[in-house]
Amino acid sequence: MDASFLTHLLANHGHDGDHGWWPLFPLLWLAVLATIVWLFTRRRWHGRGPGGGDRAKEILAERYARGEIAGEEYRERLEQLR
């Protein structure tokens, strides 16, 4: 490239309202969409993910501790949760 071309390009940059940050708009929209999807899936699957099984095991253990279910039934249901 010619140095005069680069000088002309740099000298005239910004006069037409283009500030050079327009490529960030697609990234901004991508971030907005990703945040919406993340929030939707987080709310939808809350309590059903890896932590959801832990709560089921806690409830099962509580029922066993109160004597509502026998040891054999406790072990069977615990195996199903795994």
N, C-alpha and C. Protein backbone atom coordinates (compact mmCIF):
# COMPACT_ATOMS: atom_id res chain seq x y z
N MET A 1 0.84 -1.18 0.00
CA MET A 1 0.00 0.00 0.00
C MET A 1 0.88 1.24 0.00
N ASP A 2 0.33 2.22 -0.57
CA ASP A 2 1.02 3.49 -0.67
C ASP A 2 0.81 4.29 0.62
N ALA A 3 1.84 4.94 1.11
CA ALA A 3 1.77 5.71 2.34
C ALA A 3 0.78 6.86 2.21
N SER A 4 0.68 7.44 1.01
CA SER A 4 -0.26 8.55 0.83
C SER A 4 -1.70 8.05 0.93
N PHE A 5 -1.94 6.83 0.49
CA PHE A 5 -3.28 6.25 0.60
C PHE A 5 -3.65 6.04 2.07
N LEU A 6 -2.71 5.52 2.85
CA LEU A 6 -2.97 5.33 4.27
C LEU A 6 -3.16 6.66 4.99
N THR A 7 -2.39 7.65 4.62
CA THR A 7 -2.53 8.97 5.22
C THR A 7 -3.90 9.55 4.89
N HIS A 8 -4.31 9.41 3.64
CA HIS A 8 -5.62 9.90 3.22
C HIS A 8 -6.74 9.15 3.95
N LEU A 9 -6.59 7.85 4.08
CA LEU A 9 -7.60 7.03 4.76
C LEU A 9 -7.72 7.42 6.24
N LEU A 10 -6.60 7.60 6.90
CA LEU A 10 -6.63 7.97 8.31
C LEU A 10 -7.12 9.41 8.51
N ALA A 11 -6.79 10.29 7.60
CA ALA A 11 -7.19 11.68 7.73
C ALA A 11 -8.69 11.85 7.51
N ASN A 12 -9.27 11.05 6.66
CA ASN A 12 -10.69 11.18 6.34
C ASN A 12 -11.56 10.24 7.16
N HIS A 13 -10.97 9.46 7.99
CA HIS A 13 -11.74 8.52 8.81
C HIS A 13 -12.56 9.27 9.85
N GLY A 14 -13.84 8.95 9.96
CA GLY A 14 -14.68 9.54 10.98
C GLY A 14 -15.48 10.73 10.51
N HIS A 15 -15.24 11.21 9.32
CA HIS A 15 -15.99 12.36 8.84
C HIS A 15 -17.38 12.00 8.36
N ASP A 16 -17.59 10.74 8.04
CA ASP A 16 -18.91 10.33 7.55
C ASP A 16 -19.77 9.72 8.65
N GLY A 17 -19.37 9.83 9.89
CA GLY A 17 -20.15 9.29 11.00
C GLY A 17 -19.80 7.86 11.35
N ASP A 18 -18.91 7.26 10.59
CA ASP A 18 -18.49 5.88 10.88
C ASP A 18 -17.32 5.94 11.85
N HIS A 19 -17.54 5.45 13.05
CA HIS A 19 -16.50 5.52 14.07
C HIS A 19 -15.70 4.24 14.19
N GLY A 20 -15.97 3.28 13.37
CA GLY A 20 -15.18 2.07 13.38
C GLY A 20 -15.61 1.04 14.40
N TRP A 21 -16.65 1.31 15.17
CA TRP A 21 -17.09 0.36 16.17
C TRP A 21 -18.32 -0.41 15.73
N TRP A 22 -18.76 -0.24 14.50
CA TRP A 22 -19.93 -0.95 14.01
C TRP A 22 -19.77 -2.47 14.04
N PRO A 23 -18.57 -3.05 13.90
CA PRO A 23 -18.49 -4.52 13.98
C PRO A 23 -18.87 -5.06 15.36
N LEU A 24 -18.92 -4.21 16.36
CA LEU A 24 -19.29 -4.67 17.69
C LEU A 24 -20.79 -4.93 17.83
N PHE A 25 -21.60 -4.35 16.97
CA PHE A 25 -23.04 -4.54 17.06
C PHE A 25 -23.46 -6.00 16.93
N PRO A 26 -22.94 -6.76 15.96
CA PRO A 26 -23.31 -8.19 15.93
C PRO A 26 -22.89 -8.93 17.20
N LEU A 27 -21.74 -8.57 17.76
CA LEU A 27 -21.31 -9.20 19.01
C LEU A 27 -22.24 -8.83 20.15
N LEU A 28 -22.71 -7.58 20.17
CA LEU A 28 -23.64 -7.14 21.19
C LEU A 28 -24.95 -7.93 21.10
N TRP A 29 -25.48 -8.07 19.89
CA TRP A 29 -26.72 -8.83 19.72
C TRP A 29 -26.52 -10.30 20.07
N LEU A 30 -25.38 -10.85 19.73
CA LEU A 30 -25.09 -12.23 20.09
C LEU A 30 -25.05 -12.40 21.61
N ALA A 31 -24.45 -11.45 22.29
CA ALA A 31 -24.40 -11.50 23.75
C ALA A 31 -25.80 -11.37 24.35
N VAL A 32 -26.63 -10.50 23.79
CA VAL A 32 -28.00 -10.35 24.28
C VAL A 32 -28.79 -11.64 24.09
N LEU A 33 -28.70 -12.22 22.90
CA LEU A 33 -29.41 -13.48 22.63
C LEU A 33 -28.90 -14.61 23.52
N ALA A 34 -27.59 -14.70 23.70
CA ALA A 34 -27.03 -15.75 24.56
C ALA A 34 -27.50 -15.58 25.99
N THR A 35 -27.60 -14.35 26.46
CA THR A 35 -28.08 -14.10 27.83
C THR A 35 -29.54 -14.51 27.97
N ILE A 36 -30.36 -14.20 26.98
CA ILE A 36 -31.77 -14.59 27.02
C ILE A 36 -31.91 -16.10 27.04
N VAL A 37 -31.17 -16.79 26.19
CA VAL A 37 -31.22 -18.26 26.16
C VAL A 37 -30.75 -18.83 27.48
N TRP A 38 -29.67 -18.29 28.03
CA TRP A 38 -29.15 -18.78 29.30
C TRP A 38 -30.17 -18.59 30.42
N LEU A 39 -30.79 -17.42 30.48
CA LEU A 39 -31.80 -17.17 31.51
C LEU A 39 -33.00 -18.08 31.36
N PHE A 40 -33.43 -18.31 30.12
CA PHE A 40 -34.58 -19.18 29.87
C PHE A 40 -34.29 -20.61 30.30
N THR A 41 -33.14 -21.14 29.89
CA THR A 41 -32.81 -22.52 30.24
C THR A 41 -32.54 -22.66 31.73
N ARG A 42 -31.97 -21.66 32.33
CA ARG A 42 -31.70 -21.70 33.78
C ARG A 42 -33.01 -21.75 34.56
N ARG A 43 -33.95 -20.93 34.17
CA ARG A 43 -35.25 -20.89 34.86
C ARG A 43 -36.03 -22.17 34.58
N ARG A 44 -35.98 -22.66 33.36
CA ARG A 44 -36.75 -23.85 32.98
C ARG A 44 -36.25 -25.10 33.67
N TRP A 45 -34.95 -25.24 33.78
CA TRP A 45 -34.38 -26.46 34.34
C TRP A 45 -33.97 -26.32 35.79
N HIS A 46 -34.34 -25.25 36.43
CA HIS A 46 -33.97 -25.04 37.84
C HIS A 46 -34.53 -26.18 38.70
N GLY A 47 -33.67 -26.86 39.40
CA GLY A 47 -34.10 -27.95 40.27
C GLY A 47 -34.12 -29.30 39.58
N ARG A 48 -33.86 -29.35 38.27
CA ARG A 48 -33.87 -30.62 37.56
C ARG A 48 -32.48 -31.05 37.10
N GLY A 49 -31.52 -30.21 37.34
CA GLY A 49 -30.16 -30.51 36.91
C GLY A 49 -29.47 -31.43 37.88
N PRO A 50 -28.14 -31.40 37.90
CA PRO A 50 -27.39 -32.26 38.80
C PRO A 50 -27.76 -32.05 40.26
N GLY A 51 -28.09 -30.84 40.65
CA GLY A 51 -28.47 -30.56 42.03
C GLY A 51 -29.85 -31.08 42.37
N GLY A 52 -30.73 -31.28 41.36
CA GLY A 52 -32.08 -31.75 41.61
C GLY A 52 -32.11 -33.16 42.17
N GLY A 53 -31.19 -34.01 41.72
CA GLY A 53 -31.11 -35.38 42.24
C GLY A 53 -30.68 -35.40 43.69
N ASP A 54 -29.85 -34.46 44.08
CA ASP A 54 -29.41 -34.39 45.47
C ASP A 54 -30.59 -34.10 46.39
N ARG A 55 -31.48 -33.24 45.96
CA ARG A 55 -32.65 -32.92 46.78
C ARG A 55 -33.55 -34.14 46.91
N ALA A 56 -33.71 -34.91 45.85
CA ALA A 56 -34.52 -36.13 45.90
C ALA A 56 -33.91 -37.14 46.88
N LYS A 57 -32.59 -37.23 46.87
CA LYS A 57 -31.92 -38.13 47.81
C LYS A 57 -32.11 -37.67 49.25
N GLU A 58 -32.10 -36.37 49.47
CA GLU A 58 -32.32 -35.83 50.81
C GLU A 58 -33.73 -36.17 51.31
N ILE A 59 -34.71 -36.00 50.44
CA ILE A 59 -36.09 -36.31 50.82
C ILE A 59 -36.23 -37.79 51.12
N LEU A 60 -35.61 -38.63 50.30
CA LEU A 60 -35.67 -40.07 50.52
C LEU A 60 -35.02 -40.43 51.85
N ALA A 61 -33.90 -39.82 52.16
CA ALA A 61 -33.22 -40.09 53.43
C ALA A 61 -34.07 -39.63 54.61
N GLU A 62 -34.75 -38.50 54.45
CA GLU A 62 -35.64 -38.03 55.52
C GLU A 62 -36.79 -39.00 55.75
N ARG A 63 -37.36 -39.50 54.68
CA ARG A 63 -38.47 -40.46 54.81
C ARG A 63 -38.00 -41.74 55.49
N TYR A 64 -36.79 -42.17 55.15
CA TYR A 64 -36.23 -43.36 55.78
C TYR A 64 -35.97 -43.11 57.26
N ALA A 65 -35.45 -41.93 57.58
CA ALA A 65 -35.15 -41.59 58.97
C ALA A 65 -36.42 -41.50 59.82
N ARG A 66 -37.52 -41.07 59.23
CA ARG A 66 -38.78 -40.99 59.97
C ARG A 66 -39.48 -42.34 60.06
N GLY A 67 -38.97 -43.33 59.34
CA GLY A 67 -39.57 -44.66 59.38
C GLY A 67 -40.72 -44.84 58.41
N GLU A 68 -40.87 -43.93 57.47
CA GLU A 68 -41.95 -44.03 56.49
C GLU A 68 -41.70 -45.13 55.47
N ILE A 69 -40.44 -45.42 55.21
CA ILE A 69 -40.09 -46.50 54.28
C ILE A 69 -39.07 -47.40 54.94
N ALA A 70 -39.06 -48.67 54.50
CA ALA A 70 -38.14 -49.67 55.05
C ALA A 70 -36.77 -49.53 54.38
N GLY A 71 -35.78 -50.18 54.96
CA GLY A 71 -34.42 -50.12 54.44
C GLY A 71 -34.31 -50.65 53.04
N GLU A 72 -35.00 -51.74 52.73
CA GLU A 72 -34.94 -52.33 51.38
C GLU A 72 -35.53 -51.36 50.36
N GLU A 73 -36.67 -50.76 50.68
CA GLU A 73 -37.29 -49.80 49.76
C GLU A 73 -36.40 -48.56 49.59
N TYR A 74 -35.76 -48.14 50.68
CA TYR A 74 -34.84 -47.01 50.62
C TYR A 74 -33.71 -47.29 49.64
N ARG A 75 -33.11 -48.48 49.75
CA ARG A 75 -31.99 -48.83 48.87
C ARG A 75 -32.44 -48.94 47.42
N GLU A 76 -33.63 -49.50 47.18
CA GLU A 76 -34.14 -49.62 45.81
C GLU A 76 -34.35 -48.25 45.17
N ARG A 77 -34.99 -47.36 45.92
CA ARG A 77 -35.26 -46.03 45.39
C ARG A 77 -33.98 -45.21 45.23
N LEU A 78 -33.05 -45.40 46.14
CA LEU A 78 -31.77 -44.71 46.02
C LEU A 78 -31.03 -45.16 44.76
N GLU A 79 -31.10 -46.44 44.47
CA GLU A 79 -30.47 -46.97 43.26
C GLU A 79 -31.13 -46.38 42.01
N GLN A 80 -32.43 -46.20 42.04
CA GLN A 80 -33.14 -45.61 40.90
C GLN A 80 -32.73 -44.16 40.67
N LEU A 81 -32.40 -43.47 41.73
CA LEU A 81 -32.01 -42.08 41.59
C LEU A 81 -30.60 -41.92 41.03
N ARG A 82 -29.81 -42.93 41.09
CA ARG A 82 -28.44 -42.83 40.57
C ARG A 82 -28.36 -43.01 39.12
